[in-house]
Amino acid sequence: MKKTLNAVCLSGLFCSALLLISSPASAQEGHWWLRTGPAFVDFKNDVTLKAPLLGGEVPGANASVKDNVSVAAEIGYDFTDNWALGLTLGYPPTTELKAGGSLKNLGKLGSITYGPAVLTAQYRFTNFGRFQPYLGAGWSYMLVLDSKDKAVSNLNVDDVNGLTLQAGFEYRNNEDMGLFFDVKRLFLEAEATGNAPPAMGGIPVKGEIVLDPFVYSAGVVFYF
């Protein structure tokens, strides 16, 4: 129920923003654009593993989150020559949680498939001709679509959201298309819960995961 409400709220925010920028008053001044290409998700990998029944953190234990390669698309609208609003969506990748340290022999703890979404306001610097850098800031949301057990059973990871910072540049070949490179830093902290393997008594375990990924993307931008 919580995930559904979060998704509805985020969808409402996106729809409201897109309705605002597509109003007749705005349409006379700006234009739409679409950036699309491959994206690399580089996770921070700061994971704390806890066993509440044992009194806290598991001594010497840690875990890592596997980086991902996906395809991203960012659709946006220029209000003016300098100000724009962009919505980034990505093809849902699957990442793995792997045990490390004193629990390294457990191997893969589980995997999750997630749908990323980012909404940012952007400022474009237009005094460099065809080369146009930009900076942005906004909010990101990671919707967990599926989770699969491995060493940990009953694996559950909550949806997360947080601040996003953005920087990049476009090189405009002509009025219809160009090239871009984009970097986003998402500040996300997730909580994973489940049960330890039978060899450890199947006790409840919890992982506090600082994801904070950098998302690098590059490709083609189209102007409409």
Protein backbone atom coordinates (compact mmCIF):
# COMPACT_ATOMS: atom_id res chain seq x y z
CA MET A 1 0.00 0.00 0.00
CA LYS A 2 2.86 2.37 0.90
CA LYS A 3 4.60 1.73 -2.43
CA THR A 4 1.38 2.36 -4.33
CA LEU A 5 0.80 5.69 -2.55
CA ASN A 6 4.41 6.76 -3.19
CA ALA A 7 4.09 5.91 -6.88
CA VAL A 8 0.80 7.79 -7.17
CA CYS A 9 2.25 10.87 -5.46
CA LEU A 10 5.33 10.86 -7.70
CA SER A 11 3.20 10.38 -10.81
CA GLY A 12 1.01 13.29 -9.73
CA LEU A 13 4.07 15.51 -9.29
CA PHE A 14 5.40 14.61 -12.73
CA CYS A 15 2.02 15.07 -14.42
CA SER A 16 1.49 18.44 -12.76
CA ALA A 17 4.91 19.63 -13.92
CA LEU A 18 4.36 18.41 -17.47
CA LEU A 19 0.90 19.98 -17.64
CA LEU A 20 2.37 23.26 -16.46
CA ILE A 21 5.09 23.34 -19.10
CA SER A 22 2.69 22.36 -21.88
CA SER A 23 0.26 25.22 -21.16
CA PRO A 24 -0.51 27.51 -24.13
CA ALA A 25 1.32 30.46 -22.55
CA SER A 26 4.53 28.45 -22.24
CA ALA A 27 4.24 26.74 -25.62
CA GLN A 28 4.66 30.07 -27.39
CA GLU A 29 8.10 30.62 -25.87
CA GLY A 30 9.83 27.26 -25.43
CA HIS A 31 10.30 23.88 -26.98
CA TRP A 32 10.59 20.20 -26.11
CA TRP A 33 13.72 18.07 -26.18
CA LEU A 34 14.65 14.43 -25.63
CA ARG A 35 18.01 13.08 -24.47
CA THR A 36 18.49 9.33 -24.81
CA GLY A 37 21.36 6.85 -24.64
CA PRO A 38 23.12 4.27 -22.44
CA ALA A 39 23.48 4.95 -18.71
CA PHE A 40 25.91 3.59 -16.12
CA VAL A 41 24.78 3.46 -12.47
CA ASP A 42 27.75 3.56 -10.07
CA PHE A 43 26.64 2.77 -6.50
CA LYS A 44 28.53 4.00 -3.43
CA ASN A 45 28.36 0.58 -1.71
CA ASP A 46 28.17 1.59 1.94
CA VAL A 47 26.19 -1.25 3.54
CA THR A 48 25.72 -2.01 7.24
CA LEU A 49 24.36 -5.46 8.12
CA LYS A 50 22.49 -5.91 11.39
CA ALA A 51 20.92 -8.79 13.29
CA PRO A 52 18.54 -7.20 15.84
CA LEU A 53 18.23 -10.43 17.86
CA LEU A 54 22.02 -10.49 18.28
CA GLY A 55 22.10 -6.94 19.57
CA GLY A 56 23.17 -4.89 16.56
CA GLU A 57 25.69 -4.98 13.73
CA VAL A 58 27.10 -8.32 12.54
CA PRO A 59 30.83 -8.14 13.44
CA GLY A 60 33.09 -7.75 10.42
CA ALA A 61 30.23 -8.11 7.95
CA ASN A 62 29.50 -5.92 4.96
CA ALA A 63 27.91 -6.15 1.53
CA SER A 64 28.11 -4.57 -1.89
CA VAL A 65 25.59 -3.46 -4.49
CA LYS A 66 26.38 -4.40 -8.09
CA ASP A 67 26.67 -1.48 -10.54
CA ASN A 68 24.30 -1.43 -13.52
CA VAL A 69 24.23 -0.54 -17.20
CA SER A 70 20.86 0.51 -18.60
CA VAL A 71 19.20 2.82 -21.12
CA ALA A 72 17.86 6.20 -20.03
CA ALA A 73 15.64 8.83 -21.61
CA GLU A 74 15.13 12.38 -20.37
CA ILE A 75 12.26 14.39 -21.79
CA GLY A 76 12.25 18.09 -21.06
CA TYR A 77 10.87 21.48 -21.90
CA ASP A 78 12.70 24.80 -22.19
CA PHE A 79 10.72 27.59 -20.55
CA THR A 80 13.30 30.10 -21.78
CA ASP A 81 16.71 29.92 -23.44
CA ASN A 82 18.22 29.25 -20.00
CA TRP A 83 15.63 27.48 -17.82
CA ALA A 84 14.25 23.99 -18.38
CA LEU A 85 12.50 21.13 -16.59
CA GLY A 86 13.54 17.53 -17.28
CA LEU A 87 12.09 14.13 -16.38
CA THR A 88 14.47 11.16 -16.60
CA LEU A 89 13.26 7.57 -16.76
CA GLY A 90 15.35 4.43 -17.17
CA TYR A 91 14.77 0.87 -18.35
CA PRO A 92 14.42 -1.09 -15.05
CA PRO A 93 17.78 -2.75 -14.29
CA THR A 94 18.43 -5.58 -11.82
CA THR A 95 21.13 -5.23 -9.20
CA GLU A 96 22.59 -7.82 -6.83
CA LEU A 97 23.42 -7.63 -3.14
CA LYS A 98 26.59 -9.59 -2.34
CA ALA A 99 27.90 -10.43 1.12
CA GLY A 100 31.42 -9.45 2.15
CA GLY A 101 33.74 -9.48 5.12
CA SER A 102 32.91 -12.15 7.72
CA LEU A 103 29.86 -13.24 5.67
CA LYS A 104 31.63 -13.43 2.30
CA ASN A 105 31.02 -17.21 2.07
CA LEU A 106 27.27 -16.53 1.74
CA GLY A 107 27.80 -15.08 -1.74
CA LYS A 108 24.77 -13.41 -3.28
CA LEU A 109 22.20 -12.30 -0.71
CA GLY A 110 19.50 -11.48 -3.25
CA SER A 111 18.62 -9.21 -6.14
CA ILE A 112 16.21 -6.37 -6.84
CA THR A 113 14.76 -4.87 -10.01
CA TYR A 114 14.07 -1.17 -9.75
CA GLY A 115 12.60 1.64 -11.83
CA PRO A 116 14.47 4.95 -11.51
CA ALA A 117 12.86 8.36 -12.08
CA VAL A 118 14.36 11.83 -11.69
CA LEU A 119 12.75 15.27 -12.00
CA THR A 120 15.11 18.28 -12.18
CA ALA A 121 15.05 21.99 -12.88
CA GLN A 122 18.01 22.94 -15.10
CA TYR A 123 19.90 26.12 -15.95
CA ARG A 124 21.59 26.17 -19.36
CA PHE A 125 24.58 28.38 -20.17
CA THR A 126 24.06 29.70 -23.70
CA ASN A 127 27.09 31.99 -24.13
CA PHE A 128 29.39 29.31 -25.60
CA GLY A 129 27.75 28.90 -29.00
CA ARG A 130 26.90 25.32 -29.91
CA PHE A 131 28.52 24.01 -26.73
CA GLN A 132 25.97 24.47 -23.93
CA PRO A 133 26.75 23.30 -20.36
CA TYR A 134 23.95 23.01 -17.82
CA LEU A 135 23.42 22.48 -14.10
CA GLY A 136 20.36 21.02 -12.42
CA ALA A 137 18.81 20.00 -9.11
CA GLY A 138 15.66 18.16 -8.14
CA TRP A 139 14.26 14.96 -6.71
CA SER A 140 14.73 11.27 -7.52
CA TYR A 141 12.64 8.20 -6.80
CA MET A 142 13.59 4.53 -6.96
CA LEU A 143 10.59 2.22 -7.23
CA VAL A 144 11.43 -1.39 -6.29
CA LEU A 145 9.56 -3.53 -8.81
CA ASP A 146 10.73 -7.00 -7.76
CA SER A 147 13.04 -8.73 -5.30
CA LYS A 148 14.43 -12.27 -5.40
CA ASP A 149 15.84 -14.31 -2.53
CA LYS A 150 19.19 -16.02 -2.53
CA ALA A 151 21.11 -16.49 0.74
CA VAL A 152 18.61 -14.19 2.45
CA SER A 153 14.97 -15.31 2.37
CA ASN A 154 11.89 -13.06 2.45
CA LEU A 155 14.01 -10.24 1.04
CA ASN A 156 12.24 -6.89 1.00
CA VAL A 157 13.61 -3.49 -0.03
CA ASP A 158 11.55 -0.33 0.40
CA ASP A 159 11.13 2.33 -2.29
CA VAL A 160 13.42 5.31 -1.69
CA ASN A 161 13.58 8.95 -2.75
CA GLY A 162 15.97 11.82 -2.24
CA LEU A 163 17.78 14.89 -3.55
CA THR A 164 19.46 14.87 -6.98
CA LEU A 165 22.19 17.10 -8.40
CA GLN A 166 22.92 17.21 -12.13
CA ALA A 167 25.57 18.55 -14.51
CA GLY A 168 26.24 18.04 -18.19
CA PHE A 169 26.56 19.59 -21.59
CA GLU A 170 25.02 19.49 -25.05
CA TYR A 171 26.72 20.08 -28.38
CA ARG A 172 24.08 21.28 -30.85
CA ASN A 173 24.81 20.03 -34.36
CA ASN A 174 21.78 21.85 -35.77
CA GLU A 175 18.27 22.96 -34.78
CA ASP A 176 16.96 19.38 -34.70
CA MET A 177 19.59 17.33 -32.86
CA GLY A 178 22.87 17.24 -30.99
CA LEU A 179 25.02 15.20 -28.61
CA PHE A 180 25.04 15.22 -24.81
CA PHE A 181 26.89 13.97 -21.74
CA ASP A 182 25.15 13.99 -18.36
CA VAL A 183 26.07 13.17 -14.74
CA LYS A 184 23.57 12.90 -11.90
CA ARG A 185 24.28 12.30 -8.22
CA LEU A 186 21.33 10.71 -6.42
CA PHE A 187 21.27 10.78 -2.63
CA LEU A 188 19.40 7.60 -1.69
CA GLU A 189 19.41 5.45 1.43
CA ALA A 190 17.49 2.15 1.43
CA GLU A 191 16.62 -0.46 4.02
CA ALA A 192 16.55 -4.17 3.22
CA THR A 193 15.08 -6.81 5.52
CA GLY A 194 14.88 -10.59 5.43
CA ASN A 195 15.92 -13.77 7.19
CA ALA A 196 19.41 -15.22 7.49
CA PRO A 197 20.20 -18.68 6.04
CA PRO A 198 19.19 -21.79 8.07
CA ALA A 199 22.85 -22.25 9.07
CA MET A 200 22.54 -18.97 10.98
CA GLY A 201 19.21 -19.96 12.51
CA GLY A 202 17.06 -18.02 10.04
CA ILE A 203 17.07 -15.00 12.33
CA PRO A 204 15.78 -11.63 11.05
CA VAL A 205 18.49 -9.48 9.45
CA LYS A 206 18.51 -5.89 8.23
CA GLY A 207 20.73 -4.02 5.83
CA GLU A 208 21.09 -0.24 5.89
CA ILE A 209 22.26 0.68 2.39
CA VAL A 210 23.69 4.05 1.38
CA LEU A 211 23.24 3.86 -2.39
CA ASP A 212 24.11 7.46 -3.39
CA PRO A 213 24.83 6.50 -7.02
CA PHE A 214 26.44 8.53 -9.75
CA VAL A 215 24.50 8.03 -13.00
CA TYR A 216 26.49 8.71 -16.16
CA SER A 217 24.71 8.90 -19.51
CA ALA A 218 25.57 10.03 -23.03
CA GLY A 219 23.94 9.93 -26.41
CA VAL A 220 21.78 11.94 -28.78
CA VAL A 221 19.47 14.86 -27.98
CA PHE A 222 16.54 15.73 -30.22
CA TYR A 223 14.84 19.17 -30.30
CA PHE A 224 11.15 19.61 -31.16
